């Protein structure tokens, strides 16, 4: 599972860098930071969700999705919106 997740994340980062070079835009340091923190929270959520389900703790798995996964998604959305609005403005 982690090999596939690593390949997907690597492909997404490669696509982002390729798009940045092709589109002649860049991300600011805080957009990178917010995105990295959001992605780390999502990966942490996936790991704990699968681990909790393996131990037959479905309530704990659901709480991880809510408490850790939702802020991770929100941070990724904030990072995306900051970049999209700054690019559209320029």
PDB file of N, CA and C in Angstrom:
ATOM      1  N   UNK A   1       0.819  -1.187   0.000  1.00  0.00           N
ATOM      2  CA  UNK A   1       0.000   0.000   0.000  1.00  0.00           C
ATOM      3  C   UNK A   1       0.866   1.256   0.000  1.00  0.00           C
ATOM      4  N   UNK A   2       1.907   1.274   0.818  1.00  0.00           N
ATOM      5  CA  UNK A   2       2.723   2.481   0.896  1.00  0.00           C
ATOM      6  C   UNK A   2       3.537   2.710  -0.371  1.00  0.00           C
ATOM      7  N   UNK A   3       3.904   1.640  -1.052  1.00  0.00           N
ATOM      8  CA  UNK A   3       4.605   1.803  -2.323  1.00  0.00           C
ATOM      9  C   UNK A   3       3.708   2.506  -3.335  1.00  0.00           C
ATOM     10  N   UNK A   4       2.463   2.103  -3.403  1.00  0.00           N
ATOM     11  CA  UNK A   4       1.521   2.719  -4.347  1.00  0.00           C
ATOM     12  C   UNK A   4       1.251   4.165  -3.964  1.00  0.00           C
ATOM     13  N   UNK A   5       1.090   4.441  -2.665  1.00  0.00           N
ATOM     14  CA  UNK A   5       0.878   5.820  -2.216  1.00  0.00           C
ATOM     15  C   UNK A   5       2.098   6.676  -2.546  1.00  0.00           C
ATOM     16  N   UNK A   6       3.285   6.129  -2.345  1.00  0.00           N
ATOM     17  CA  UNK A   6       4.505   6.862  -2.683  1.00  0.00           C
ATOM     18  C   UNK A   6       4.611   7.152  -4.168  1.00  0.00           C
ATOM     19  N   UNK A   7       4.244   6.192  -4.992  1.00  0.00           N
ATOM     20  CA  UNK A   7       4.265   6.409  -6.442  1.00  0.00           C
ATOM     21  C   UNK A   7       3.257   7.477  -6.858  1.00  0.00           C
ATOM     22  N   UNK A   8       2.082   7.454  -6.255  1.00  0.00           N
ATOM     23  CA  UNK A   8       1.065   8.460  -6.584  1.00  0.00           C
ATOM     24  C   UNK A   8       1.526   9.853  -6.169  1.00  0.00           C
ATOM     25  N   UNK A   9       2.071   9.980  -4.965  1.00  0.00           N
ATOM     26  CA  UNK A   9       2.544  11.289  -4.503  1.00  0.00           C
ATOM     27  C   UNK A   9       3.704  11.776  -5.359  1.00  0.00           C
ATOM     28  N   UNK A  10       4.613  10.879  -5.711  1.00  0.00           N
ATOM     29  CA  UNK A  10       5.720  11.250  -6.589  1.00  0.00           C
ATOM     30  C   UNK A  10       5.239  11.724  -7.949  1.00  0.00           C
ATOM     31  N   UNK A  11       4.255  11.031  -8.511  1.00  0.00           N
ATOM     32  CA  UNK A  11       3.700  11.440  -9.804  1.00  0.00           C
ATOM     33  C   UNK A  11       3.002  12.788  -9.699  1.00  0.00           C
ATOM     34  N   UNK A  12       2.298  13.017  -8.600  1.00  0.00           N
ATOM     35  CA  UNK A  12       1.631  14.309  -8.411  1.00  0.00           C
ATOM     36  C   UNK A  12       2.638  15.448  -8.272  1.00  0.00           C
ATOM     37  N   UNK A  13       3.709  15.221  -7.514  1.00  0.00           N
ATOM     38  CA  UNK A  13       4.741  16.260  -7.376  1.00  0.00           C
ATOM     39  C   UNK A  13       5.460  16.512  -8.703  1.00  0.00           C
ATOM     40  N   UNK A  14       5.735  15.461  -9.444  1.00  0.00           N
ATOM     41  CA  UNK A  14       6.360  15.612 -10.750  1.00  0.00           C
ATOM     42  C   UNK A  14       5.451  16.400 -11.693  1.00  0.00           C
ATOM     43  N   UNK A  15       4.157  16.089 -11.662  1.00  0.00           N
ATOM     44  CA  UNK A  15       3.196  16.828 -12.480  1.00  0.00           C
ATOM     45  C   UNK A  15       3.104  18.288 -12.072  1.00  0.00           C
ATOM     46  N   UNK A  16       3.175  18.567 -10.768  1.00  0.00           N
ATOM     47  CA  UNK A  16       3.131  19.952 -10.292  1.00  0.00           C
ATOM     48  C   UNK A  16       4.350  20.732 -10.758  1.00  0.00           C
ATOM     49  N   UNK A  17       5.536  20.142 -10.623  1.00  0.00           N
ATOM     50  CA  UNK A  17       6.759  20.819 -11.069  1.00  0.00           C
ATOM     51  C   UNK A  17       6.730  21.034 -12.582  1.00  0.00           C
ATOM     52  N   UNK A  18       6.274  20.037 -13.329  1.00  0.00           N
ATOM     53  CA  UNK A  18       6.177  20.172 -14.786  1.00  0.00           C
ATOM     54  C   UNK A  18       5.198  21.290 -15.155  1.00  0.00           C
ATOM     55  N   UNK A  19       4.073  21.345 -14.469  1.00  0.00           N
ATOM     56  CA  UNK A  19       3.074  22.380 -14.728  1.00  0.00           C
ATOM     57  C   UNK A  19       3.602  23.761 -14.371  1.00  0.00           C
ATOM     58  N   UNK A  20       4.375  23.845 -13.297  1.00  0.00           N
ATOM     59  CA  UNK A  20       4.948  25.132 -12.910  1.00  0.00           C
ATOM     60  C   UNK A  20       5.949  25.621 -13.941  1.00  0.00           C
ATOM     61  N   UNK A  21       6.763  24.726 -14.476  1.00  0.00           N
ATOM     62  CA  UNK A  21       7.731  25.130 -15.501  1.00  0.00           C
ATOM     63  C   UNK A  21       7.051  25.502 -16.804  1.00  0.00           C
ATOM     64  N   UNK A  22       6.028  24.753 -17.170  1.00  0.00           N
ATOM     65  CA  UNK A  22       5.321  25.010 -18.417  1.00  0.00           C
ATOM     66  C   UNK A  22       4.484  26.277 -18.331  1.00  0.00           C
ATOM     67  N   UNK A  23       3.880  26.521 -17.184  1.00  0.00           N
ATOM     68  CA  UNK A  23       3.005  27.667 -17.016  1.00  0.00           C
ATOM     69  C   UNK A  23       3.719  28.929 -16.556  1.00  0.00           C
ATOM     70  N   UNK A  24       5.028  28.846 -16.296  1.00  0.00           N
ATOM     71  CA  UNK A  24       5.819  29.987 -15.843  1.00  0.00           C
ATOM     72  C   UNK A  24       5.234  30.643 -14.598  1.00  0.00           C
ATOM     73  N   UNK A  25       4.913  29.862 -13.603  1.00  0.00           N
ATOM     74  CA  UNK A  25       4.497  30.404 -12.319  1.00  0.00           C
ATOM     75  C   UNK A  25       5.221  29.643 -11.221  1.00  0.00           C
ATOM     76  N   UNK A  26       5.210  30.221 -10.046  1.00  0.00           N
ATOM     77  CA  UNK A  26       5.872  29.571  -8.918  1.00  0.00           C
ATOM     78  C   UNK A  26       4.971  29.683  -7.693  1.00  0.00           C
ATOM     79  N   UNK A  27       5.283  28.877  -6.710  1.00  0.00           N
ATOM     80  CA  UNK A  27       4.558  28.910  -5.454  1.00  0.00           C
ATOM     81  C   UNK A  27       5.409  29.614  -4.414  1.00  0.00           C
ATOM     82  N   UNK A  28       4.767  30.362  -3.542  1.00  0.00           N
ATOM     83  CA  UNK A  28       5.502  31.020  -2.468  1.00  0.00           C
ATOM     84  C   UNK A  28       5.829  30.000  -1.386  1.00  0.00           C
ATOM     85  N   UNK A  29       6.710  30.406  -0.487  1.00  0.00           N
ATOM     86  CA  UNK A  29       7.161  29.471   0.540  1.00  0.00           C
ATOM     87  C   UNK A  29       6.020  29.033   1.440  1.00  0.00           C
ATOM     88  N   UNK A  30       5.094  29.926   1.761  1.00  0.00           N
ATOM     89  CA  UNK A  30       4.012  29.541   2.667  1.00  0.00           C
ATOM     90  C   UNK A  30       2.987  28.645   1.977  1.00  0.00           C
ATOM     91  N   UNK A  31       2.842  28.748   0.672  1.00  0.00           N
ATOM     92  CA  UNK A  31       1.970  27.822  -0.051  1.00  0.00           C
ATOM     93  C   UNK A  31       2.558  26.417  -0.035  1.00  0.00           C
ATOM     94  N   UNK A  32       3.875  26.315  -0.219  1.00  0.00           N
ATOM     95  CA  UNK A  32       4.551  25.019  -0.122  1.00  0.00           C
ATOM     96  C   UNK A  32       4.398  24.457   1.286  1.00  0.00           C
ATOM     97  N   UNK A  33       4.612  25.296   2.302  1.00  0.00           N
ATOM     98  CA  UNK A  33       4.563  24.848   3.688  1.00  0.00           C
ATOM     99  C   UNK A  33       3.168  24.349   4.063  1.00  0.00           C
ATOM    100  N   UNK A  34       2.140  25.107   3.711  1.00  0.00           N
ATOM    101  CA  UNK A  34       0.770  24.699   4.012  1.00  0.00           C
ATOM    102  C   UNK A  34       0.431  23.401   3.278  1.00  0.00           C
ATOM    103  N   UNK A  35       0.859  23.288   2.024  1.00  0.00           N
ATOM    104  CA  UNK A  35       0.605  22.073   1.258  1.00  0.00           C
ATOM    105  C   UNK A  35       1.307  20.850   1.828  1.00  0.00           C
ATOM    106  N   UNK A  36       2.543  21.017   2.256  1.00  0.00           N
ATOM    107  CA  UNK A  36       3.302  19.898   2.827  1.00  0.00           C
ATOM    108  C   UNK A  36       2.700  19.451   4.153  1.00  0.00           C
ATOM    109  N   UNK A  37       2.300  20.406   4.987  1.00  0.00           N
ATOM    110  CA  UNK A  37       1.663  20.050   6.259  1.00  0.00           C
ATOM    111  C   UNK A  37       0.336  19.340   6.006  1.00  0.00           C
ATOM    112  N   UNK A  38      -0.446  19.839   5.055  1.00  0.00           N
ATOM    113  CA  UNK A  38      -1.709  19.191   4.716  1.00  0.00           C
ATOM    114  C   UNK A  38      -1.506  17.773   4.203  1.00  0.00           C
ATOM    115  N   UNK A  39      -0.515  17.579   3.344  1.00  0.00           N
ATOM    116  CA  UNK A  39      -0.239  16.244   2.814  1.00  0.00           C
ATOM    117  C   UNK A  39       0.250  15.305   3.918  1.00  0.00           C
ATOM    118  N   UNK A  40       1.065  15.823   4.841  1.00  0.00           N
ATOM    119  CA  UNK A  40       1.532  14.997   5.955  1.00  0.00           C
ATOM    120  C   UNK A  40       0.356  14.560   6.833  1.00  0.00           C
ATOM    121  N   UNK A  41      -0.584  15.470   7.074  1.00  0.00           N
ATOM    122  CA  UNK A  41      -1.761  15.102   7.863  1.00  0.00           C
ATOM    123  C   UNK A  41      -2.604  14.046   7.153  1.00  0.00           C
ATOM    124  N   UNK A  42      -2.738  14.165   5.841  1.00  0.00           N
ATOM    125  CA  UNK A  42      -3.504  13.175   5.086  1.00  0.00           C
ATOM    126  C   UNK A  42      -2.822  11.805   5.145  1.00  0.00           C
ATOM    127  N   UNK A  43      -1.506  11.764   4.980  1.00  0.00           N
ATOM    128  CA  UNK A  43      -0.784  10.492   5.058  1.00  0.00           C
ATOM    129  C   UNK A  43      -0.869   9.888   6.450  1.00  0.00           C
ATOM    130  N   UNK A  44      -0.774  10.725   7.478  1.00  0.00           N
ATOM    131  CA  UNK A  44      -0.918  10.264   8.857  1.00  0.00           C
ATOM    132  C   UNK A  44      -2.315   9.688   9.078  1.00  0.00           C
ATOM    133  N   UNK A  45      -3.311  10.333   8.508  1.00  0.00           N
ATOM    134  CA  UNK A  45      -4.689   9.857   8.630  1.00  0.00           C
ATOM    135  C   UNK A  45      -4.864   8.507   7.956  1.00  0.00           C
ATOM    136  N   UNK A  46      -4.319   8.357   6.749  1.00  0.00           N
ATOM    137  CA  UNK A  46      -4.445   7.080   6.036  1.00  0.00           C
ATOM    138  C   UNK A  46      -3.801   5.957   6.840  1.00  0.00           C
ATOM    139  N   UNK A  47      -2.599   6.206   7.365  1.00  0.00           N
ATOM    140  CA  UNK A  47      -1.894   5.185   8.125  1.00  0.00           C
ATOM    141  C   UNK A  47      -2.684   4.786   9.368  1.00  0.00           C
ATOM    142  N   UNK A  48      -3.187   5.753  10.103  1.00  0.00           N
ATOM    143  CA  UNK A  48      -3.920   5.441  11.323  1.00  0.00           C
ATOM    144  C   UNK A  48      -5.302   4.869  11.042  1.00  0.00           C
ATOM    145  N   UNK A  49      -5.921   5.277   9.952  1.00  0.00           N
ATOM    146  CA  UNK A  49      -7.219   4.732   9.574  1.00  0.00           C
ATOM    147  C   UNK A  49      -7.092   3.241   9.266  1.00  0.00           C
ATOM    148  N   UNK A  50      -6.103   2.890   8.449  1.00  0.00           N
ATOM    149  CA  UNK A  50      -5.898   1.483   8.096  1.00  0.00           C
ATOM    150  C   UNK A  50      -5.502   0.675   9.323  1.00  0.00           C
ATOM    151  N   UNK A  51      -4.641   1.232  10.168  1.00  0.00           N
ATOM    152  CA  UNK A  51      -4.236   0.527  11.381  1.00  0.00           C
ATOM    153  C   UNK A  51      -5.396   0.307  12.339  1.00  0.00           C
ATOM    154  N   UNK A  52      -6.246   1.302  12.492  1.00  0.00           N
ATOM    155  CA  UNK A  52      -7.395   1.154  13.377  1.00  0.00           C
ATOM    156  C   UNK A  52      -8.397   0.137  12.831  1.00  0.00           C
ATOM    157  N   UNK A  53      -8.587   0.132  11.523  1.00  0.00           N
ATOM    158  CA  UNK A  53      -9.490  -0.852  10.944  1.00  0.00           C
ATOM    159  C   UNK A  53      -8.928  -2.267  11.072  1.00  0.00           C
ATOM    160  N   UNK A  54      -7.609  -2.409  10.954  1.00  0.00           N
ATOM    161  CA  UNK A  54      -6.987  -3.729  11.131  1.00  0.00           C
ATOM    162  C   UNK A  54      -7.194  -4.255  12.552  1.00  0.00           C
ATOM    163  N   UNK A  55      -7.237  -3.353  13.518  1.00  0.00           N
ATOM    164  CA  UNK A  55      -7.442  -3.748  14.904  1.00  0.00           C
ATOM    165  C   UNK A  55      -8.920  -3.767  15.285  1.00  0.00           C
ATOM    166  N   UNK A  56      -9.792  -3.653  14.284  1.00  0.00           N
ATOM    167  CA  UNK A  56     -11.245  -3.702  14.481  1.00  0.00           C
ATOM    168  C   UNK A  56     -11.753  -2.589  15.398  1.00  0.00           C
ATOM    169  N   UNK A  57     -11.146  -1.430  15.275  1.00  0.00           N
ATOM    170  CA  UNK A  57     -11.567  -0.245  16.020  1.00  0.00           C
ATOM    171  C   UNK A  57     -12.174   0.748  15.043  1.00  0.00           C
ATOM    172  N   UNK A  58     -13.394   0.501  14.626  1.00  0.00           N
ATOM    173  CA  UNK A  58     -13.997   1.339  13.588  1.00  0.00           C
ATOM    174  C   UNK A  58     -14.307   2.747  14.080  1.00  0.00           C
ATOM    175  N   UNK A  59     -14.638   2.896  15.353  1.00  0.00           N
ATOM    176  CA  UNK A  59     -14.915   4.242  15.871  1.00  0.00           C
ATOM    177  C   UNK A  59     -13.641   5.084  15.889  1.00  0.00           C
ATOM    178  N   UNK A  60     -12.529   4.494  16.284  1.00  0.00           N
ATOM    179  CA  UNK A  60     -11.254   5.209  16.274  1.00  0.00           C
ATOM    180  C   UNK A  60     -10.862   5.585  14.851  1.00  0.00           C
ATOM    181  N   UNK A  61     -11.109   4.690  13.914  1.00  0.00           N
ATOM    182  CA  UNK A  61     -10.798   4.977  12.518  1.00  0.00           C
ATOM    183  C   UNK A  61     -11.622   6.160  12.019  1.00  0.00           C
ATOM    184  N   UNK A  62     -12.889   6.178  12.376  1.00  0.00           N
ATOM    185  CA  UNK A  62     -13.755   7.281  11.959  1.00  0.00           C
ATOM    186  C   UNK A  62     -13.330   8.594  12.594  1.00  0.00           C
ATOM    187  N   UNK A  63     -12.911   8.535  13.846  1.00  0.00           N
ATOM    188  CA  UNK A  63     -12.459   9.756  14.522  1.00  0.00           C
ATOM    189  C   UNK A  63     -11.168  10.296  13.902  1.00  0.00           C
ATOM    190  N   UNK A  64     -10.276   9.410  13.472  1.00  0.00           N
ATOM    191  CA  UNK A  64      -9.067   9.869  12.789  1.00  0.00           C
ATOM    192  C   UNK A  64      -9.417  10.600  11.505  1.00  0.00           C
ATOM    193  N   UNK A  65     -10.393  10.061  10.776  1.00  0.00           N
ATOM    194  CA  UNK A  65     -10.805  10.738   9.548  1.00  0.00           C
ATOM    195  C   UNK A  65     -11.336  12.138   9.841  1.00  0.00           C
ATOM    196  N   UNK A  66     -12.083  12.266  10.909  1.00  0.00           N
ATOM    197  CA  UNK A  66     -12.691  13.544  11.239  1.00  0.00           C
ATOM    198  C   UNK A  66     -11.694  14.520  11.854  1.00  0.00           C
ATOM    199  N   UNK A  67     -10.941  14.067  12.839  1.00  0.00           N
ATOM    200  CA  UNK A  67     -10.090  14.964  13.619  1.00  0.00           C
ATOM    201  C   UNK A  67      -8.784  15.313  12.911  1.00  0.00           C
ATOM    202  N   UNK A  68      -8.185  14.388  12.205  1.00  0.00           N
ATOM    203  CA  UNK A  68      -6.903  14.634  11.543  1.00  0.00           C
ATOM    204  C   UNK A  68      -7.066  14.815  10.035  1.00  0.00           C
ATOM    205  N   UNK A  69      -7.936  14.037   9.420  1.00  0.00           N
ATOM    206  CA  UNK A  69      -8.096  14.093   7.969  1.00  0.00           C
ATOM    207  C   UNK A  69      -8.755  15.361   7.476  1.00  0.00           C
ATOM    208  N   UNK A  70      -9.783  15.823   8.165  1.00  0.00           N
ATOM    209  CA  UNK A  70     -10.479  17.034   7.743  1.00  0.00           C
ATOM    210  C   UNK A  70      -9.588  18.270   7.779  1.00  0.00           C
ATOM    211  N   UNK A  71      -8.810  18.510   8.847  1.00  0.00           N
ATOM    212  CA  UNK A  71      -7.879  19.648   8.793  1.00  0.00           C
ATOM    213  C   UNK A  71      -6.830  19.509   7.682  1.00  0.00           C
ATOM    214  N   UNK A  72      -6.413  18.281   7.387  1.00  0.00           N
ATOM    215  CA  UNK A  72      -5.475  18.076   6.290  1.00  0.00           C
ATOM    216  C   UNK A  72      -6.077  18.490   4.964  1.00  0.00           C
ATOM    217  N   UNK A  73      -7.319  18.096   4.726  1.00  0.00           N
ATOM    218  CA  UNK A  73      -8.000  18.509   3.492  1.00  0.00           C
ATOM    219  C   UNK A  73      -8.205  20.019   3.431  1.00  0.00           C
ATOM    220  N   UNK A  74      -8.525  20.611   4.565  1.00  0.00           N
ATOM    221  CA  UNK A  74      -8.715  22.063   4.608  1.00  0.00           C
ATOM    222  C   UNK A  74      -7.409  22.783   4.289  1.00  0.00           C
ATOM    223  N   UNK A  75      -6.293  22.313   4.846  1.00  0.00           N
ATOM    224  CA  UNK A  75      -5.001  22.943   4.551  1.00  0.00           C
ATOM    225  C   UNK A  75      -4.630  22.794   3.078  1.00  0.00           C
ATOM    226  N   UNK A  76      -4.898  21.637   2.489  1.00  0.00           N
ATOM    227  CA  UNK A  76      -4.622  21.467   1.060  1.00  0.00           C
ATOM    228  C   UNK A  76      -5.486  22.397   0.220  1.00  0.00           C
ATOM    229  N   UNK A  77      -6.742  22.554   0.602  1.00  0.00           N
ATOM    230  CA  UNK A  77      -7.631  23.453  -0.135  1.00  0.00           C
ATOM    231  C   UNK A  77      -7.184  24.908   0.006  1.00  0.00           C
ATOM    232  N   UNK A  78      -6.721  25.300   1.194  1.00  0.00           N
ATOM    233  CA  UNK A  78      -6.228  26.665   1.396  1.00  0.00           C
ATOM    234  C   UNK A  78      -5.004  26.913   0.532  1.00  0.00           C
ATOM    235  N   UNK A  79      -4.092  25.961   0.510  1.00  0.00           N
ATOM    236  CA  UNK A  79      -2.885  26.108  -0.312  1.00  0.00           C
ATOM    237  C   UNK A  79      -3.246  26.255  -1.789  1.00  0.00           C
ATOM    238  N   UNK A  80      -4.153  25.431  -2.255  1.00  0.00           N
ATOM    239  CA  UNK A  80      -4.581  25.487  -3.656  1.00  0.00           C
ATOM    240  C   UNK A  80      -5.253  26.827  -3.970  1.00  0.00           C
ATOM    241  N   UNK A  81      -6.128  27.287  -3.092  1.00  0.00           N
ATOM    242  CA  UNK A  81      -6.834  28.547  -3.331  1.00  0.00           C
ATOM    243  C   UNK A  81      -5.885  29.745  -3.291  1.00  0.00           C
ATOM    244  N   UNK A  82      -4.926  29.738  -2.385  1.00  0.00           N
ATOM    245  CA  UNK A  82      -3.950  30.830  -2.346  1.00  0.00           C
ATOM    246  C   UNK A  82      -3.190  30.923  -3.662  1.00  0.00           C
ATOM    247  N   UNK A  83      -2.732  29.781  -4.148  1.00  0.00           N
ATOM    248  CA  UNK A  83      -1.975  29.767  -5.404  1.00  0.00           C
ATOM    249  C   UNK A  83      -2.871  30.159  -6.582  1.00  0.00           C
ATOM    250  N   UNK A  84      -4.076  29.631  -6.630  1.00  0.00           N
ATOM    251  CA  UNK A  84      -4.969  29.913  -7.755  1.00  0.00           C
ATOM    252  C   UNK A  84      -5.359  31.378  -7.792  1.00  0.00           C
ATOM    253  N   UNK A  85      -5.651  31.964  -6.670  1.00  0.00           N
ATOM    254  CA  UNK A  85      -6.036  33.383  -6.646  1.00  0.00           C
ATOM    255  C   UNK A  85      -4.870  34.297  -6.983  1.00  0.00           C
ATOM    256  N   UNK A  86      -3.666  33.946  -6.506  1.00  0.00           N
ATOM    257  CA  UNK A  86      -2.501  34.781  -6.810  1.00  0.00           C
ATOM    258  C   UNK A  86      -2.171  34.715  -8.298  1.00  0.00           C
ATOM    259  N   UNK A  87      -2.291  33.531  -8.897  1.00  0.00           N
ATOM    260  CA  UNK A  87      -2.006  33.371 -10.332  1.00  0.00           C
ATOM    261  C   UNK A  87      -3.049  34.084 -11.166  1.00  0.00           C
ATOM    262  N   UNK A  88      -4.305  33.980 -10.766  1.00  0.00           N
ATOM    263  CA  UNK A  88      -5.381  34.631 -11.514  1.00  0.00           C
ATOM    264  C   UNK A  88      -5.258  36.148 -11.448  1.00  0.00           C
ATOM    265  N   UNK A  89      -4.783  36.659 -10.311  1.00  0.00           N
ATOM    266  CA  UNK A  89      -4.629  38.093 -10.111  1.00  0.00           C
ATOM    267  C   UNK A  89      -3.525  38.678 -10.992  1.00  0.00           C
ATOM    268  N   UNK A  90      -2.475  37.913 -11.201  1.00  0.00           N
ATOM    269  CA  UNK A  90      -1.300  38.409 -11.958  1.00  0.00           C
ATOM    270  C   UNK A  90      -1.532  38.418 -13.446  1.00  0.00           C
TER     271      UNK A  90
END
